């Protein structure tokens, strides 16, 4: 198995599926990666962190840093990220300062129902501009 998903969630969202609750705790998923020799994990932080937990706390966990190979990200409700959003820019700053063991890729986790009323060419342009902005915050200039 190349990846396992670490879906960062508020605990109340997994109460109906207690057998999946461990997926909401990235450090527990990192233990699975080590135990079962999985290549790495996708850190899914698009839902936000559980109340009271800060991103730096999550990323200070060595196992999380060592096993994260990708992150999936999005705006509210799996929508487009607002270019220049100060809260998202702060998130990007924290991620860019984190010393991961491996290169970490980002994937947009977008809900097609949120995007269905946007003209396809406009949507392509919007995604392009969003990705370009994210890369610029990371000091990358080529898309």
N, C-alpha and C. Protein backbone atom coordinates (compact mmCIF):
# COMPACT_ATOMS: atom_id res chain seq x y z
N UNK A 1 0.87 -1.18 0.00
CA UNK A 1 0.00 0.00 0.00
C UNK A 1 0.90 1.22 0.00
N UNK A 2 0.76 2.10 -0.99
CA UNK A 2 1.64 3.25 -1.02
C UNK A 2 1.30 4.32 0.03
N UNK A 3 0.03 4.56 0.27
CA UNK A 3 -0.36 5.63 1.19
C UNK A 3 -1.52 5.18 2.07
N UNK A 4 -1.62 5.80 3.22
CA UNK A 4 -2.80 5.68 4.06
C UNK A 4 -3.22 7.10 4.40
N UNK A 5 -4.50 7.33 4.52
CA UNK A 5 -5.02 8.67 4.75
C UNK A 5 -5.10 8.95 6.25
N UNK A 6 -4.59 10.12 6.65
CA UNK A 6 -4.76 10.62 8.01
C UNK A 6 -5.72 11.79 7.91
N UNK A 7 -6.99 11.54 8.15
CA UNK A 7 -8.04 12.55 7.98
C UNK A 7 -8.22 13.31 9.29
N UNK A 8 -7.61 14.47 9.37
CA UNK A 8 -7.70 15.28 10.58
C UNK A 8 -9.13 15.78 10.70
N UNK A 9 -9.80 15.36 11.75
CA UNK A 9 -11.21 15.68 11.95
C UNK A 9 -11.48 16.04 13.40
N UNK A 10 -12.55 16.77 13.62
CA UNK A 10 -13.05 16.94 14.97
C UNK A 10 -13.61 15.60 15.41
N UNK A 11 -13.41 15.21 16.66
CA UNK A 11 -13.88 13.90 17.12
C UNK A 11 -15.39 13.69 16.93
N UNK A 12 -16.19 14.74 16.99
CA UNK A 12 -17.63 14.56 16.86
C UNK A 12 -18.03 14.05 15.48
N UNK A 13 -17.19 14.25 14.47
CA UNK A 13 -17.53 13.80 13.13
C UNK A 13 -17.34 12.30 12.95
N UNK A 14 -16.58 11.68 13.82
CA UNK A 14 -16.34 10.24 13.68
C UNK A 14 -17.09 9.42 14.71
N UNK A 15 -17.96 10.05 15.51
CA UNK A 15 -18.63 9.32 16.60
C UNK A 15 -19.54 8.20 16.08
N UNK A 16 -20.04 8.32 14.85
CA UNK A 16 -20.91 7.29 14.30
C UNK A 16 -20.13 6.14 13.67
N UNK A 17 -18.82 6.36 13.51
CA UNK A 17 -17.95 5.34 12.94
C UNK A 17 -16.73 5.17 13.84
N UNK A 18 -16.93 4.66 15.06
CA UNK A 18 -15.82 4.60 16.01
C UNK A 18 -14.63 3.79 15.51
N UNK A 19 -14.89 2.83 14.64
CA UNK A 19 -13.78 2.03 14.12
C UNK A 19 -12.87 2.83 13.21
N UNK A 20 -13.34 4.00 12.73
CA UNK A 20 -12.52 4.86 11.88
C UNK A 20 -11.93 6.05 12.64
N UNK A 21 -12.21 6.15 13.92
CA UNK A 21 -11.77 7.31 14.69
C UNK A 21 -10.26 7.48 14.69
N UNK A 22 -9.51 6.36 14.62
CA UNK A 22 -8.05 6.47 14.63
C UNK A 22 -7.53 7.24 13.41
N UNK A 23 -8.29 7.25 12.32
CA UNK A 23 -7.86 8.00 11.13
C UNK A 23 -7.88 9.50 11.37
N UNK A 24 -8.55 9.93 12.43
CA UNK A 24 -8.60 11.36 12.76
C UNK A 24 -7.41 11.78 13.61
N UNK A 25 -6.52 10.87 13.92
CA UNK A 25 -5.36 11.18 14.74
C UNK A 25 -4.10 10.83 13.93
N UNK A 26 -3.49 11.85 13.30
CA UNK A 26 -2.34 11.56 12.43
C UNK A 26 -1.21 10.77 13.09
N UNK A 27 -0.96 11.00 14.37
CA UNK A 27 0.12 10.25 15.02
C UNK A 27 -0.22 8.75 15.08
N UNK A 28 -1.50 8.41 15.21
CA UNK A 28 -1.92 7.00 15.21
C UNK A 28 -1.76 6.41 13.81
N UNK A 29 -2.07 7.20 12.80
CA UNK A 29 -1.90 6.73 11.42
C UNK A 29 -0.41 6.51 11.14
N UNK A 30 0.44 7.41 11.65
CA UNK A 30 1.89 7.24 11.48
C UNK A 30 2.36 5.92 12.09
N UNK A 31 1.76 5.53 13.21
CA UNK A 31 2.09 4.23 13.82
C UNK A 31 1.73 3.08 12.88
N UNK A 32 0.58 3.20 12.19
CA UNK A 32 0.18 2.17 11.22
C UNK A 32 1.17 2.10 10.07
N UNK A 33 1.64 3.27 9.62
CA UNK A 33 2.62 3.33 8.53
C UNK A 33 3.86 2.53 8.92
N UNK A 34 4.34 2.77 10.13
CA UNK A 34 5.53 2.07 10.60
C UNK A 34 5.27 0.57 10.79
N UNK A 35 4.15 0.25 11.42
CA UNK A 35 3.86 -1.15 11.74
C UNK A 35 3.68 -2.01 10.50
N UNK A 36 2.97 -1.47 9.50
CA UNK A 36 2.64 -2.28 8.32
C UNK A 36 3.49 -1.94 7.10
N UNK A 37 4.56 -1.18 7.30
CA UNK A 37 5.50 -0.83 6.22
C UNK A 37 4.81 -0.21 5.02
N UNK A 38 3.91 0.71 5.30
CA UNK A 38 3.24 1.48 4.25
C UNK A 38 4.19 2.60 3.83
N UNK A 39 4.15 2.99 2.59
CA UNK A 39 5.10 3.99 2.08
C UNK A 39 4.99 5.33 2.80
N UNK A 40 3.80 5.75 3.15
CA UNK A 40 3.63 7.04 3.82
C UNK A 40 2.17 7.37 3.97
N UNK A 41 1.91 8.61 4.39
CA UNK A 41 0.52 9.00 4.59
C UNK A 41 0.21 10.32 3.91
N UNK A 42 -1.07 10.47 3.60
CA UNK A 42 -1.61 11.72 3.08
C UNK A 42 -2.24 12.43 4.27
N UNK A 43 -1.73 13.60 4.58
CA UNK A 43 -2.26 14.37 5.71
C UNK A 43 -3.39 15.25 5.19
N UNK A 44 -4.58 14.96 5.63
CA UNK A 44 -5.78 15.64 5.13
C UNK A 44 -6.21 16.69 6.14
N UNK A 45 -5.81 17.92 5.91
CA UNK A 45 -6.09 18.96 6.89
C UNK A 45 -7.05 20.01 6.36
N UNK A 46 -7.75 19.65 5.33
CA UNK A 46 -8.70 20.59 4.73
C UNK A 46 -9.92 20.82 5.60
N UNK A 47 -10.17 19.96 6.54
CA UNK A 47 -11.34 20.11 7.41
C UNK A 47 -11.03 20.97 8.63
N UNK A 48 -9.79 21.36 8.76
CA UNK A 48 -9.40 22.13 9.93
C UNK A 48 -8.98 21.20 11.05
N UNK A 49 -8.34 21.78 12.03
CA UNK A 49 -7.85 20.99 13.15
C UNK A 49 -8.90 20.92 14.24
N UNK A 50 -8.88 19.84 15.02
CA UNK A 50 -9.79 19.79 16.16
C UNK A 50 -9.60 21.02 17.05
N UNK A 51 -10.67 21.46 17.66
CA UNK A 51 -10.62 22.67 18.48
C UNK A 51 -9.53 22.56 19.53
N UNK A 52 -8.76 23.62 19.66
CA UNK A 52 -7.70 23.66 20.65
C UNK A 52 -6.37 23.13 20.14
N UNK A 53 -6.36 22.47 19.01
CA UNK A 53 -5.09 21.96 18.47
C UNK A 53 -4.60 22.92 17.40
N UNK A 54 -3.36 23.25 17.47
CA UNK A 54 -2.77 24.16 16.50
C UNK A 54 -1.94 23.35 15.51
N UNK A 55 -1.83 23.85 14.30
CA UNK A 55 -1.09 23.15 13.26
C UNK A 55 0.35 22.87 13.69
N UNK A 56 0.98 23.81 14.39
CA UNK A 56 2.37 23.58 14.80
C UNK A 56 2.46 22.40 15.76
N UNK A 57 1.45 22.20 16.60
CA UNK A 57 1.45 21.04 17.50
C UNK A 57 1.43 19.76 16.69
N UNK A 58 0.57 19.71 15.69
CA UNK A 58 0.48 18.53 14.83
C UNK A 58 1.80 18.28 14.11
N UNK A 59 2.38 19.34 13.55
CA UNK A 59 3.60 19.18 12.76
C UNK A 59 4.86 19.03 13.61
N UNK A 60 4.76 19.25 14.91
CA UNK A 60 5.89 19.00 15.80
C UNK A 60 6.05 17.52 16.10
N UNK A 61 5.06 16.73 15.74
CA UNK A 61 5.12 15.29 15.96
C UNK A 61 6.07 14.68 14.93
N UNK A 62 7.19 14.12 15.39
CA UNK A 62 8.20 13.58 14.50
C UNK A 62 7.62 12.54 13.55
N UNK A 63 6.77 11.66 14.06
CA UNK A 63 6.20 10.61 13.21
C UNK A 63 5.36 11.20 12.09
N UNK A 64 4.62 12.25 12.38
CA UNK A 64 3.82 12.91 11.35
C UNK A 64 4.75 13.51 10.28
N UNK A 65 5.80 14.18 10.71
CA UNK A 65 6.76 14.78 9.75
C UNK A 65 7.47 13.70 8.94
N UNK A 66 7.81 12.60 9.59
CA UNK A 66 8.56 11.54 8.91
C UNK A 66 7.73 10.81 7.86
N UNK A 67 6.43 10.68 8.07
CA UNK A 67 5.63 9.83 7.20
C UNK A 67 4.69 10.58 6.26
N UNK A 68 4.61 11.89 6.37
CA UNK A 68 3.75 12.65 5.47
C UNK A 68 4.42 12.77 4.11
N UNK A 69 3.73 12.31 3.08
CA UNK A 69 4.21 12.41 1.71
C UNK A 69 3.37 13.39 0.89
N UNK A 70 2.16 13.64 1.37
CA UNK A 70 1.26 14.54 0.64
C UNK A 70 0.27 15.14 1.63
N UNK A 71 -0.27 16.29 1.26
CA UNK A 71 -1.35 16.93 2.02
C UNK A 71 -2.46 17.24 1.04
N UNK A 72 -3.67 17.02 1.48
CA UNK A 72 -4.74 17.54 0.63
C UNK A 72 -5.39 18.69 1.35
N UNK A 73 -5.64 19.73 0.55
CA UNK A 73 -6.06 21.02 1.08
C UNK A 73 -7.23 21.56 0.26
N UNK A 74 -7.99 22.45 0.88
CA UNK A 74 -9.08 23.11 0.16
C UNK A 74 -9.54 24.30 0.96
N UNK A 75 -10.42 25.05 0.35
CA UNK A 75 -11.08 26.14 1.06
C UNK A 75 -12.25 25.59 1.84
N UNK A 76 -13.08 26.47 2.40
CA UNK A 76 -14.24 26.03 3.18
C UNK A 76 -15.16 25.11 2.37
N UNK A 77 -15.64 24.05 3.01
CA UNK A 77 -16.55 23.08 2.38
C UNK A 77 -16.00 22.49 1.10
N UNK A 78 -14.70 22.28 1.08
CA UNK A 78 -14.01 21.71 -0.09
C UNK A 78 -14.13 22.61 -1.31
N UNK A 79 -14.20 23.90 -1.08
CA UNK A 79 -14.27 24.87 -2.17
C UNK A 79 -12.89 25.42 -2.50
N UNK A 80 -12.89 26.38 -3.39
CA UNK A 80 -11.66 27.03 -3.83
C UNK A 80 -11.05 27.82 -2.67
N UNK A 81 -9.75 27.80 -2.59
CA UNK A 81 -9.01 28.59 -1.60
C UNK A 81 -9.01 30.03 -2.09
N UNK A 82 -9.32 30.95 -1.20
CA UNK A 82 -9.32 32.37 -1.56
C UNK A 82 -7.88 32.86 -1.62
N UNK A 83 -7.47 33.33 -2.80
CA UNK A 83 -6.11 33.84 -2.98
C UNK A 83 -5.90 35.02 -2.04
N UNK A 84 -4.81 34.95 -1.28
CA UNK A 84 -4.48 36.01 -0.34
C UNK A 84 -5.13 35.87 1.02
N UNK A 85 -5.91 34.83 1.23
CA UNK A 85 -6.58 34.61 2.53
C UNK A 85 -5.51 34.57 3.63
N UNK A 86 -5.56 35.51 4.59
CA UNK A 86 -4.51 35.56 5.62
C UNK A 86 -4.42 34.30 6.47
N UNK A 87 -5.55 33.67 6.76
CA UNK A 87 -5.53 32.44 7.56
C UNK A 87 -4.85 31.31 6.78
N UNK A 88 -5.16 31.21 5.50
CA UNK A 88 -4.55 30.16 4.69
C UNK A 88 -3.07 30.47 4.46
N UNK A 89 -2.74 31.76 4.29
CA UNK A 89 -1.34 32.16 4.13
C UNK A 89 -0.54 31.79 5.38
N UNK A 90 -1.14 31.95 6.56
CA UNK A 90 -0.47 31.57 7.80
C UNK A 90 -0.23 30.06 7.84
N UNK A 91 -1.22 29.29 7.41
CA UNK A 91 -1.07 27.84 7.31
C UNK A 91 0.10 27.49 6.39
N UNK A 92 0.17 28.14 5.22
CA UNK A 92 1.24 27.86 4.27
C UNK A 92 2.61 28.21 4.85
N UNK A 93 2.66 29.29 5.62
CA UNK A 93 3.92 29.70 6.26
C UNK A 93 4.38 28.63 7.25
N UNK A 94 3.47 28.12 8.04
CA UNK A 94 3.82 27.07 9.01
C UNK A 94 4.31 25.82 8.29
N UNK A 95 3.61 25.43 7.25
CA UNK A 95 4.00 24.23 6.49
C UNK A 95 5.36 24.43 5.84
N UNK A 96 5.62 25.62 5.31
CA UNK A 96 6.89 25.84 4.61
C UNK A 96 8.08 25.82 5.57
N UNK A 97 7.86 26.13 6.84
CA UNK A 97 8.95 26.10 7.83
C UNK A 97 9.17 24.70 8.42
N UNK A 98 8.25 23.80 8.17
CA UNK A 98 8.32 22.45 8.75
C UNK A 98 9.35 21.62 7.98
N UNK A 99 10.18 20.93 8.73
CA UNK A 99 11.21 20.07 8.14
C UNK A 99 10.66 18.65 8.03
N UNK A 100 10.07 18.35 6.89
CA UNK A 100 9.55 17.01 6.63
C UNK A 100 10.71 16.11 6.20
N UNK A 101 10.57 14.82 6.43
CA UNK A 101 11.61 13.87 6.04
C UNK A 101 11.65 13.71 4.51
N UNK A 102 10.49 13.83 3.88
CA UNK A 102 10.38 13.62 2.44
C UNK A 102 9.78 14.87 1.80
N UNK A 103 9.97 15.05 0.49
CA UNK A 103 9.24 16.13 -0.18
C UNK A 103 7.74 15.87 -0.02
N UNK A 104 6.99 16.91 0.28
CA UNK A 104 5.55 16.78 0.49
C UNK A 104 4.82 17.47 -0.66
N UNK A 105 3.94 16.73 -1.28
CA UNK A 105 3.13 17.27 -2.37
C UNK A 105 1.80 17.75 -1.82
N UNK A 106 1.21 18.70 -2.51
CA UNK A 106 -0.12 19.18 -2.12
C UNK A 106 -1.12 18.81 -3.21
N UNK A 107 -2.32 18.48 -2.80
CA UNK A 107 -3.39 18.18 -3.74
C UNK A 107 -4.62 18.96 -3.31
N UNK A 108 -5.27 19.60 -4.27
CA UNK A 108 -6.51 20.30 -3.97
C UNK A 108 -7.62 19.27 -3.83
N UNK A 109 -8.36 19.34 -2.74
CA UNK A 109 -9.47 18.42 -2.48
C UNK A 109 -10.76 19.22 -2.67
N UNK A 110 -11.20 19.31 -3.90
CA UNK A 110 -12.33 20.18 -4.23
C UNK A 110 -13.61 19.38 -4.44
N UNK A 111 -14.70 19.93 -3.95
CA UNK A 111 -16.01 19.31 -4.07
C UNK A 111 -16.65 19.78 -5.38
N UNK A 112 -16.92 18.86 -6.31
CA UNK A 112 -17.50 19.29 -7.58
C UNK A 112 -18.86 19.97 -7.43
N UNK A 113 -19.60 19.65 -6.37
CA UNK A 113 -20.89 20.30 -6.16
C UNK A 113 -20.71 21.77 -5.79
N UNK A 114 -19.60 22.09 -5.14
CA UNK A 114 -19.31 23.49 -4.80
C UNK A 114 -18.93 24.28 -6.04
N UNK A 115 -18.46 23.59 -7.06
CA UNK A 115 -17.89 24.25 -8.24
C UNK A 115 -18.78 24.17 -9.47
N UNK A 116 -19.90 23.51 -9.38
CA UNK A 116 -20.71 23.21 -10.57
C UNK A 116 -21.28 24.43 -11.28
N UNK A 117 -21.40 25.55 -10.59
CA UNK A 117 -21.96 26.75 -11.23
C UNK A 117 -20.90 27.68 -11.81
N UNK A 118 -19.65 27.23 -11.80
CA UNK A 118 -18.56 28.04 -12.35
C UNK A 118 -18.25 27.53 -13.75
N UNK A 119 -18.21 28.44 -14.71
CA UNK A 119 -17.85 28.12 -16.08
C UNK A 119 -16.51 27.37 -16.09
N UNK A 120 -16.39 26.35 -16.95
CA UNK A 120 -15.20 25.49 -16.92
C UNK A 120 -13.91 26.26 -17.17
N UNK A 121 -13.90 27.19 -18.11
CA UNK A 121 -12.68 27.95 -18.37
C UNK A 121 -12.34 28.86 -17.18
N UNK A 122 -13.37 29.45 -16.58
CA UNK A 122 -13.14 30.29 -15.41
C UNK A 122 -12.60 29.44 -14.25
N UNK A 123 -13.12 28.23 -14.10
CA UNK A 123 -12.66 27.34 -13.05
C UNK A 123 -11.20 26.95 -13.26
N UNK A 124 -10.83 26.63 -14.50
CA UNK A 124 -9.43 26.31 -14.81
C UNK A 124 -8.52 27.49 -14.47
N UNK A 125 -8.93 28.69 -14.85
CA UNK A 125 -8.15 29.89 -14.55
C UNK A 125 -8.03 30.10 -13.04
N UNK A 126 -9.11 29.89 -12.34
CA UNK A 126 -9.12 30.08 -10.89
C UNK A 126 -8.20 29.08 -10.19
N UNK A 127 -8.25 27.83 -10.61
CA UNK A 127 -7.37 26.81 -10.03
C UNK A 127 -5.91 27.14 -10.36
N UNK A 128 -5.65 27.54 -11.59
CA UNK A 128 -4.28 27.92 -11.99
C UNK A 128 -3.76 29.05 -11.10
N UNK A 129 -4.57 30.10 -10.93
CA UNK A 129 -4.15 31.24 -10.11
C UNK A 129 -3.96 30.84 -8.65
N UNK A 130 -4.81 29.96 -8.17
CA UNK A 130 -4.69 29.49 -6.78
C UNK A 130 -3.39 28.71 -6.59
N UNK A 131 -3.12 27.78 -7.48
CA UNK A 131 -1.89 26.99 -7.39
C UNK A 131 -0.67 27.89 -7.52
N UNK A 132 -0.72 28.84 -8.43
CA UNK A 132 0.39 29.78 -8.61
C UNK A 132 0.64 30.57 -7.31
N UNK A 133 -0.44 31.05 -6.67
CA UNK A 133 -0.30 31.79 -5.42
C UNK A 133 0.32 30.91 -4.34
N UNK A 134 -0.16 29.68 -4.23
CA UNK A 134 0.39 28.75 -3.22
C UNK A 134 1.88 28.54 -3.47
N UNK A 135 2.26 28.32 -4.71
CA UNK A 135 3.67 28.11 -5.03
C UNK A 135 4.50 29.36 -4.72
N UNK A 136 3.97 30.52 -5.00
CA UNK A 136 4.70 31.76 -4.70
C UNK A 136 4.94 31.91 -3.21
N UNK A 137 3.96 31.49 -2.39
CA UNK A 137 4.16 31.57 -0.94
C UNK A 137 5.26 30.64 -0.47
N UNK A 138 5.57 29.64 -1.28
CA UNK A 138 6.61 28.66 -0.95
C UNK A 138 7.95 28.99 -1.60
N UNK A 139 8.01 30.16 -2.26
CA UNK A 139 9.24 30.57 -2.91
C UNK A 139 9.48 29.92 -4.25
N UNK A 140 8.46 29.31 -4.81
CA UNK A 140 8.58 28.66 -6.13
C UNK A 140 7.96 29.60 -7.17
N UNK A 141 8.59 29.71 -8.33
CA UNK A 141 8.08 30.63 -9.34
C UNK A 141 7.57 29.94 -10.59
N UNK A 142 8.02 28.74 -10.86
CA UNK A 142 7.58 28.03 -12.07
C UNK A 142 6.42 27.12 -11.79
N UNK A 143 5.43 27.19 -12.64
CA UNK A 143 4.26 26.34 -12.48
C UNK A 143 4.29 25.22 -13.49
